[in-house]
Amino acid sequence: MNQIERALQIEAGIMMPVFGQFDCHIKKIEKECDVHIVNRGDDVKIVGEENGVHIAWNVLHSLSALARRGEEITEQNLEYFLSAAAESDLKEVQKVYDDLICITANGKPLKPKTLGQKKYIDLMRNNTVVFGIGPAGTGKTYLAMAMAITAFKNNEVNRIILTRPAIEAGEKLGFLPGDLQQKVDPYLRPLYDALYEIMGAEAFMRNMEKGLIEVAPLAYMRGRTLDNAFIVLDEAQNTTPEQMKMFLTRIGYGAKAVVTGDLTQIDLGEEKRSGLLESTKILSGIEGIGMITLTNKDVVRHPLVQKIILAYEKFESKKRSDPKNAGNEKHRRY
């Protein structure tokens, strides 16, 4: 194969963030694209086979654009640009970083990090009910809570309600120590953690005491009408169809609801169906209800998480296609 050479200019002022500490970003691009990158002053030359050079040039161009705008360039940015460069318009990917959701308690700007996350945020802005489905690490819950806090601060809603089904993981709730609140708190801890990080512990406690923020098990929603509230139902794959219908019919005037879940991590008993899966089939196409399925490409945790999810997907796919497992395959949730 013939090798080609392509160049671009990167100003000295942004060279460090683009190249990374000890040129770690450049080394990563060289390895992934099978190219050789050399810089002489402001000129950066990329040498290799055409496809690899094209991808490497687009990634470096995108990183430079982020650096010029003062954006932090992280390993996650780089990983996403590399995975998206072969199949997406990186100009569209760059626009993802223009969307500021809010500023966290420690002053950090909170923005979407992938095209999938950007579409998820736009759905939450434009619909009354949104279903966000996807694997671990795609930001389903965190982004929903960021949108809830933003709506609350902008006086678009009067309160925030966060809920989860309390699914027992081996132990029966009755055998756990403490009163009812202490028994269910461990199931709600991930929601508390996200609230502390985005809103700050002091502001959270103040609004919690006033009843403006409520974190409660799903069972507490029964019989209520939730007006002017932003409601987030997390871990919805562990709801039954009856629980999901109960939750969705709580929504009142001026309210928004976001339902998040991962259909690969259903903890319901053998005989129970997932209310999340059933509701996406029943409610698909209804105006005012948005649905999005995030993928392993939207994972924003450690890069290894993306590889773990892919490995499990391949394993499950192989298991389903194996004739030996055909007789044992149970469709109780589907």
Protein backbone atom coordinates (compact mmCIF):
# COMPACT_ATOMS: atom_id res chain seq x y z
CA MET A 1 0.00 0.00 0.00
CA ASN A 2 1.20 3.49 -0.86
CA GLN A 3 1.82 5.85 2.01
CA ILE A 4 0.64 9.44 1.96
CA GLU A 5 1.49 12.54 3.95
CA ARG A 6 -0.88 15.17 5.27
CA ALA A 7 -0.16 18.26 7.36
CA LEU A 8 -1.98 20.70 9.60
CA GLN A 9 -0.98 23.67 11.73
CA ILE A 10 -1.26 23.61 15.51
CA GLU A 11 -0.24 26.81 17.26
CA ALA A 12 2.38 26.63 19.99
CA GLY A 13 -0.13 27.89 22.57
CA ILE A 14 -2.33 24.79 22.24
CA MET A 15 0.35 22.23 21.38
CA MET A 16 0.65 20.94 24.96
CA PRO A 17 -3.04 20.11 25.56
CA VAL A 18 -3.38 18.62 22.07
CA PHE A 19 -0.27 16.46 22.30
CA GLY A 20 -0.84 15.54 25.95
CA GLN A 21 1.69 15.02 28.71
CA PHE A 22 4.78 13.29 27.31
CA ASP A 23 2.96 13.23 23.93
CA CYS A 24 0.52 10.60 25.28
CA HIS A 25 -2.29 11.70 22.94
CA ILE A 26 -0.04 11.56 19.88
CA LYS A 27 1.23 8.09 20.83
CA LYS A 28 -2.36 6.89 21.21
CA ILE A 29 -3.35 8.29 17.78
CA GLU A 30 -0.25 6.76 16.16
CA LYS A 31 -1.04 3.35 17.64
CA GLU A 32 -4.77 3.37 16.82
CA CYS A 33 -4.40 4.76 13.28
CA ASP A 34 -1.09 3.06 12.42
CA VAL A 35 0.53 6.35 11.39
CA HIS A 36 3.65 8.34 12.20
CA ILE A 37 3.25 11.94 13.46
CA VAL A 38 6.07 14.50 13.42
CA ASN A 39 5.94 18.17 14.36
CA ARG A 40 8.29 20.94 13.27
CA GLY A 41 7.31 24.18 14.96
CA ASP A 42 3.62 24.76 14.23
CA ASP A 43 3.54 22.23 11.39
CA VAL A 44 2.38 18.70 12.18
CA LYS A 45 2.84 16.00 9.56
CA ILE A 46 1.00 12.68 9.51
CA VAL A 47 2.45 9.82 7.44
CA GLY A 48 0.81 6.45 6.78
CA GLU A 49 -1.83 4.69 4.73
CA GLU A 50 -4.66 6.87 3.46
CA ASN A 51 -7.45 5.75 5.80
CA GLY A 52 -5.31 5.99 8.94
CA VAL A 53 -3.95 9.40 7.93
CA HIS A 54 -7.47 10.67 7.24
CA ILE A 55 -8.71 9.56 10.69
CA ALA A 56 -5.63 10.89 12.51
CA TRP A 57 -5.89 14.28 10.75
CA ASN A 58 -9.59 14.61 11.67
CA VAL A 59 -8.90 13.71 15.31
CA LEU A 60 -6.02 16.18 15.61
CA HIS A 61 -8.08 18.89 13.91
CA SER A 62 -10.95 18.29 16.37
CA LEU A 63 -8.65 18.27 19.41
CA SER A 64 -7.12 21.55 18.21
CA ALA A 65 -10.59 23.12 17.86
CA LEU A 66 -11.43 22.10 21.45
CA ALA A 67 -8.13 23.44 22.79
CA ARG A 68 -8.65 26.81 21.06
CA ARG A 69 -11.97 27.17 22.88
CA GLY A 70 -10.31 26.43 26.21
CA GLU A 71 -11.92 22.98 26.61
CA GLU A 72 -10.08 20.38 28.64
CA ILE A 73 -8.79 17.50 26.51
CA THR A 74 -9.04 14.21 28.35
CA GLU A 75 -8.39 10.57 27.53
CA GLN A 76 -12.16 10.20 27.20
CA ASN A 77 -12.35 12.99 24.57
CA LEU A 78 -9.58 11.34 22.61
CA GLU A 79 -11.12 7.85 22.82
CA TYR A 80 -14.47 9.18 21.60
CA PHE A 81 -12.97 11.15 18.71
CA LEU A 82 -11.02 8.07 17.59
CA SER A 83 -14.09 5.84 17.68
CA ALA A 84 -16.31 8.45 15.99
CA ALA A 85 -13.86 9.63 13.32
CA ALA A 86 -14.37 6.61 11.07
CA GLU A 87 -18.16 6.91 10.92
CA SER A 88 -19.25 10.38 12.09
CA ASP A 89 -18.80 13.97 11.01
CA LEU A 90 -16.45 15.27 13.69
CA LYS A 91 -17.80 18.80 13.16
CA GLU A 92 -21.07 17.49 14.61
CA VAL A 93 -19.17 15.81 17.44
CA GLN A 94 -17.45 19.12 18.28
CA LYS A 95 -20.87 20.80 18.65
CA VAL A 96 -21.59 18.41 21.53
CA TYR A 97 -19.18 20.42 23.69
CA ASP A 98 -21.08 23.67 23.03
CA ASP A 99 -24.06 22.49 25.09
CA LEU A 100 -23.68 23.59 28.71
CA ILE A 101 -26.20 21.92 31.03
CA CYS A 102 -25.11 23.47 34.33
CA ILE A 103 -22.14 24.25 36.56
CA THR A 104 -21.51 21.71 39.32
CA ALA A 105 -21.00 22.63 42.97
CA ASN A 106 -17.20 22.67 42.53
CA GLY A 107 -17.41 24.99 39.51
CA LYS A 108 -16.99 22.37 36.81
CA PRO A 109 -19.04 22.87 33.61
CA LEU A 110 -21.27 19.88 32.95
CA LYS A 111 -21.69 19.09 29.24
CA PRO A 112 -22.62 16.07 27.14
CA LYS A 113 -19.61 14.07 25.97
CA THR A 114 -21.03 12.07 23.06
CA LEU A 115 -23.55 12.53 20.26
CA GLY A 116 -25.84 10.05 22.00
CA GLN A 117 -25.76 12.08 25.22
CA LYS A 118 -26.48 15.28 23.27
CA LYS A 119 -29.56 13.66 21.68
CA TYR A 120 -30.66 12.44 25.12
CA ILE A 121 -30.45 15.98 26.55
CA ASP A 122 -32.36 17.43 23.59
CA LEU A 123 -35.10 14.83 24.11
CA MET A 124 -35.38 15.83 27.79
CA ARG A 125 -35.73 19.48 26.79
CA ASN A 126 -38.44 18.82 24.21
CA ASN A 127 -40.60 16.04 25.70
CA THR A 128 -42.72 15.49 28.80
CA VAL A 129 -41.59 11.88 29.27
CA VAL A 130 -38.23 10.46 28.16
CA PHE A 131 -36.96 6.88 28.30
CA GLY A 132 -33.15 6.69 28.45
CA ILE A 133 -31.97 3.11 27.99
CA GLY A 134 -28.38 1.95 27.82
CA PRO A 135 -25.50 0.13 29.51
CA ALA A 136 -23.57 1.20 32.59
CA GLY A 137 -21.45 4.33 32.29
CA THR A 138 -23.44 6.13 29.59
CA GLY A 139 -24.55 8.92 31.94
CA LYS A 140 -28.27 8.07 31.85
CA THR A 141 -28.99 8.92 35.49
CA TYR A 142 -26.36 11.62 35.97
CA LEU A 143 -27.53 13.68 32.98
CA ALA A 144 -31.19 13.26 33.96
CA MET A 145 -30.39 14.58 37.43
CA ALA A 146 -28.37 17.46 35.99
CA MET A 147 -31.37 18.41 33.84
CA ALA A 148 -33.66 18.13 36.88
CA ILE A 149 -31.44 20.41 38.97
CA THR A 150 -31.17 22.92 36.09
CA ALA A 151 -34.97 23.00 35.67
CA PHE A 152 -35.36 23.48 39.44
CA LYS A 153 -32.83 26.33 39.58
CA ASN A 154 -34.49 28.01 36.57
CA ASN A 155 -37.90 27.81 38.32
CA GLU A 156 -39.28 25.61 35.53
CA VAL A 157 -40.40 23.12 38.21
CA ASN A 158 -41.10 23.53 41.93
CA ARG A 159 -39.48 20.31 43.12
CA ILE A 160 -37.35 17.31 42.20
CA ILE A 161 -38.44 13.75 42.88
CA LEU A 162 -35.93 10.92 42.47
CA THR A 163 -37.01 7.33 42.84
CA ARG A 164 -35.83 3.75 42.39
CA PRO A 165 -37.42 0.34 42.86
CA ALA A 166 -35.90 -1.27 45.97
CA ILE A 167 -34.98 -4.66 44.56
CA GLU A 168 -33.60 -7.07 47.13
CA ALA A 169 -30.12 -8.36 46.28
CA GLY A 170 -29.93 -11.62 48.18
CA GLU A 171 -31.08 -10.28 51.55
CA LYS A 172 -34.67 -9.58 52.53
CA LEU A 173 -35.28 -5.95 53.50
CA GLY A 174 -36.84 -7.05 56.79
CA PHE A 175 -33.56 -8.56 57.93
CA LEU A 176 -31.53 -5.42 57.29
CA PRO A 177 -30.82 -3.28 60.39
CA GLY A 178 -32.52 0.04 61.13
CA ASP A 179 -35.89 1.63 60.48
CA LEU A 180 -37.58 1.71 57.07
CA GLN A 181 -35.62 4.75 55.82
CA GLN A 182 -32.33 3.20 56.88
CA LYS A 183 -33.27 -0.05 55.13
CA VAL A 184 -33.96 1.62 51.77
CA ASP A 185 -31.21 4.29 51.86
CA PRO A 186 -28.52 1.96 50.41
CA TYR A 187 -30.68 1.50 47.30
CA LEU A 188 -30.90 5.28 46.88
CA ARG A 189 -27.23 6.06 47.62
CA PRO A 190 -26.20 6.53 43.94
CA LEU A 191 -28.86 9.23 43.63
CA TYR A 192 -27.61 11.02 46.75
CA ASP A 193 -24.03 10.88 45.45
CA ALA A 194 -24.97 12.52 42.15
CA LEU A 195 -26.98 15.23 43.94
CA TYR A 196 -24.05 16.04 46.24
CA GLU A 197 -21.69 16.37 43.28
CA ILE A 198 -23.95 18.51 41.08
CA MET A 199 -25.80 20.60 43.67
CA GLY A 200 -23.50 20.48 46.68
CA ALA A 201 -24.26 18.76 50.00
CA GLU A 202 -25.34 21.95 51.78
CA ALA A 203 -27.81 23.07 49.09
CA PHE A 204 -29.13 19.52 48.80
CA MET A 205 -29.77 19.20 52.55
CA ARG A 206 -31.43 22.63 52.68
CA ASN A 207 -33.83 21.81 49.85
CA MET A 208 -34.41 18.30 51.19
CA GLU A 209 -35.51 19.72 54.58
CA LYS A 210 -37.92 22.07 52.80
CA GLY A 211 -39.42 19.11 50.90
CA LEU A 212 -38.33 20.56 47.55
CA ILE A 213 -36.15 17.53 46.81
CA GLU A 214 -37.42 14.05 47.55
CA VAL A 215 -35.46 10.82 47.21
CA ALA A 216 -37.68 7.82 47.83
CA PRO A 217 -38.37 4.20 46.82
CA LEU A 218 -40.84 3.72 43.97
CA ALA A 219 -43.46 2.28 46.34
CA TYR A 220 -43.82 5.77 47.89
CA MET A 221 -45.19 7.13 44.60
CA ARG A 222 -48.44 5.18 44.72
CA GLY A 223 -51.61 7.26 45.04
CA ARG A 224 -49.91 10.60 44.38
CA THR A 225 -50.30 13.22 41.64
CA LEU A 226 -47.01 14.94 40.88
CA ASP A 227 -47.56 18.47 39.53
CA ASN A 228 -44.79 20.95 38.61
CA ALA A 229 -42.08 18.41 39.38
CA PHE A 230 -39.11 16.91 37.58
CA ILE A 231 -39.28 13.18 38.30
CA VAL A 232 -36.47 10.70 37.62
CA LEU A 233 -37.14 6.95 37.84
CA ASP A 234 -33.77 5.19 37.94
CA GLU A 235 -33.03 1.45 37.48
CA ALA A 236 -36.41 1.12 35.77
CA GLN A 237 -35.51 -2.28 34.30
CA ASN A 238 -36.36 -3.62 37.77
CA THR A 239 -39.95 -2.36 37.74
CA THR A 240 -42.83 -4.68 36.99
CA PRO A 241 -45.35 -3.64 34.29
CA GLU A 242 -47.81 -2.74 37.06
CA GLN A 243 -45.25 -0.52 38.83
CA MET A 244 -44.31 1.21 35.58
CA LYS A 245 -47.94 1.96 34.75
CA MET A 246 -48.44 3.27 38.30
CA PHE A 247 -45.42 5.56 37.99
CA LEU A 248 -46.29 6.96 34.54
CA THR A 249 -49.84 7.75 35.62
CA ARG A 250 -48.55 9.90 38.54
CA ILE A 251 -47.42 12.68 36.16
CA GLY A 252 -49.36 15.90 36.63
CA TYR A 253 -49.49 19.34 34.99
CA GLY A 254 -46.16 21.12 34.53
CA ALA A 255 -44.24 17.92 35.28
CA LYS A 256 -41.46 16.14 33.42
CA ALA A 257 -40.40 12.54 33.88
CA VAL A 258 -37.24 10.72 32.85
CA VAL A 259 -37.10 6.93 33.06
CA THR A 260 -33.64 5.33 32.94
CA GLY A 261 -32.55 1.72 32.89
CA ASP A 262 -30.28 -0.99 31.53
CA LEU A 263 -32.11 -3.94 29.99
CA THR A 264 -29.01 -6.15 30.34
CA GLN A 265 -29.12 -5.90 34.15
CA ILE A 266 -32.61 -7.04 35.12
CA ASP A 267 -32.74 -8.32 38.72
CA LEU A 268 -36.40 -9.34 38.79
CA GLY A 269 -37.41 -12.87 39.68
CA GLU A 270 -37.73 -15.62 37.08
CA GLU A 271 -41.49 -15.23 36.66
CA LYS A 272 -41.59 -11.41 36.35
CA ARG A 273 -41.46 -9.23 33.22
CA SER A 274 -39.58 -5.94 33.02
CA GLY A 275 -41.93 -2.96 33.05
CA LEU A 276 -39.31 -0.86 31.24
CA LEU A 277 -39.09 -3.17 28.25
CA GLU A 278 -42.85 -3.57 28.03
CA SER A 279 -43.51 0.19 28.28
CA THR A 280 -41.11 1.04 25.44
CA LYS A 281 -43.14 -1.25 23.17
CA ILE A 282 -46.52 0.05 24.33
CA LEU A 283 -45.67 3.78 24.29
CA SER A 284 -43.48 3.98 21.19
CA GLY A 285 -44.60 6.72 18.77
CA ILE A 286 -46.75 8.70 21.23
CA GLU A 287 -46.22 12.46 20.88
CA GLY A 288 -44.56 13.97 23.95
CA ILE A 289 -42.73 10.73 24.79
CA GLY A 290 -39.09 10.51 23.68
CA MET A 291 -37.00 7.36 23.66
CA ILE A 292 -33.28 6.84 23.15
CA THR A 293 -31.01 3.82 23.38
CA LEU A 294 -27.45 4.72 24.30
CA THR A 295 -24.71 2.27 23.32
CA ASN A 296 -21.22 1.27 24.37
CA LYS A 297 -19.98 4.22 22.24
CA ASP A 298 -21.60 6.58 24.77
CA VAL A 299 -19.75 5.10 27.76
CA VAL A 300 -17.87 7.87 29.58
CA ARG A 301 -16.24 5.82 32.31
CA HIS A 302 -12.85 4.11 32.04
CA PRO A 303 -12.20 2.85 28.45
CA LEU A 304 -12.10 -0.68 29.85
CA VAL A 305 -15.84 -0.41 30.69
CA GLN A 306 -16.60 -0.04 26.98
CA LYS A 307 -14.60 -3.20 26.22
CA ILE A 308 -16.35 -5.11 29.04
CA ILE A 309 -19.79 -4.15 27.69
CA LEU A 310 -18.79 -5.20 24.16
CA ALA A 311 -17.47 -8.54 25.44
CA TYR A 312 -20.73 -9.24 27.28
CA GLU A 313 -22.79 -8.26 24.22
CA LYS A 314 -20.82 -10.70 22.05
CA PHE A 315 -21.15 -13.44 24.66
CA GLU A 316 -24.93 -12.95 25.00
CA SER A 317 -25.36 -12.81 21.22
CA LYS A 318 -23.41 -16.04 20.78
CA LYS A 319 -25.39 -17.73 23.56
CA ARG A 320 -28.73 -16.75 21.95
CA SER A 321 -27.64 -18.03 18.53
CA ASP A 322 -26.37 -21.36 19.89
CA PRO A 323 -28.94 -24.12 19.05
CA LYS A 324 -28.02 -25.91 22.29
CA ASN A 325 -29.44 -23.00 24.28
CA ALA A 326 -32.58 -22.58 22.16
CA GLY A 327 -34.66 -24.89 24.33
CA ASN A 328 -33.48 -23.28 27.53
CA GLU A 329 -34.02 -19.68 26.44
CA LYS A 330 -36.71 -18.07 28.59
CA HIS A 331 -38.73 -15.16 27.27
CA ARG A 332 -40.37 -14.26 30.58
CA ARG A 333 -39.30 -10.61 30.34
CA TYR A 334 -39.95 -10.13 26.66
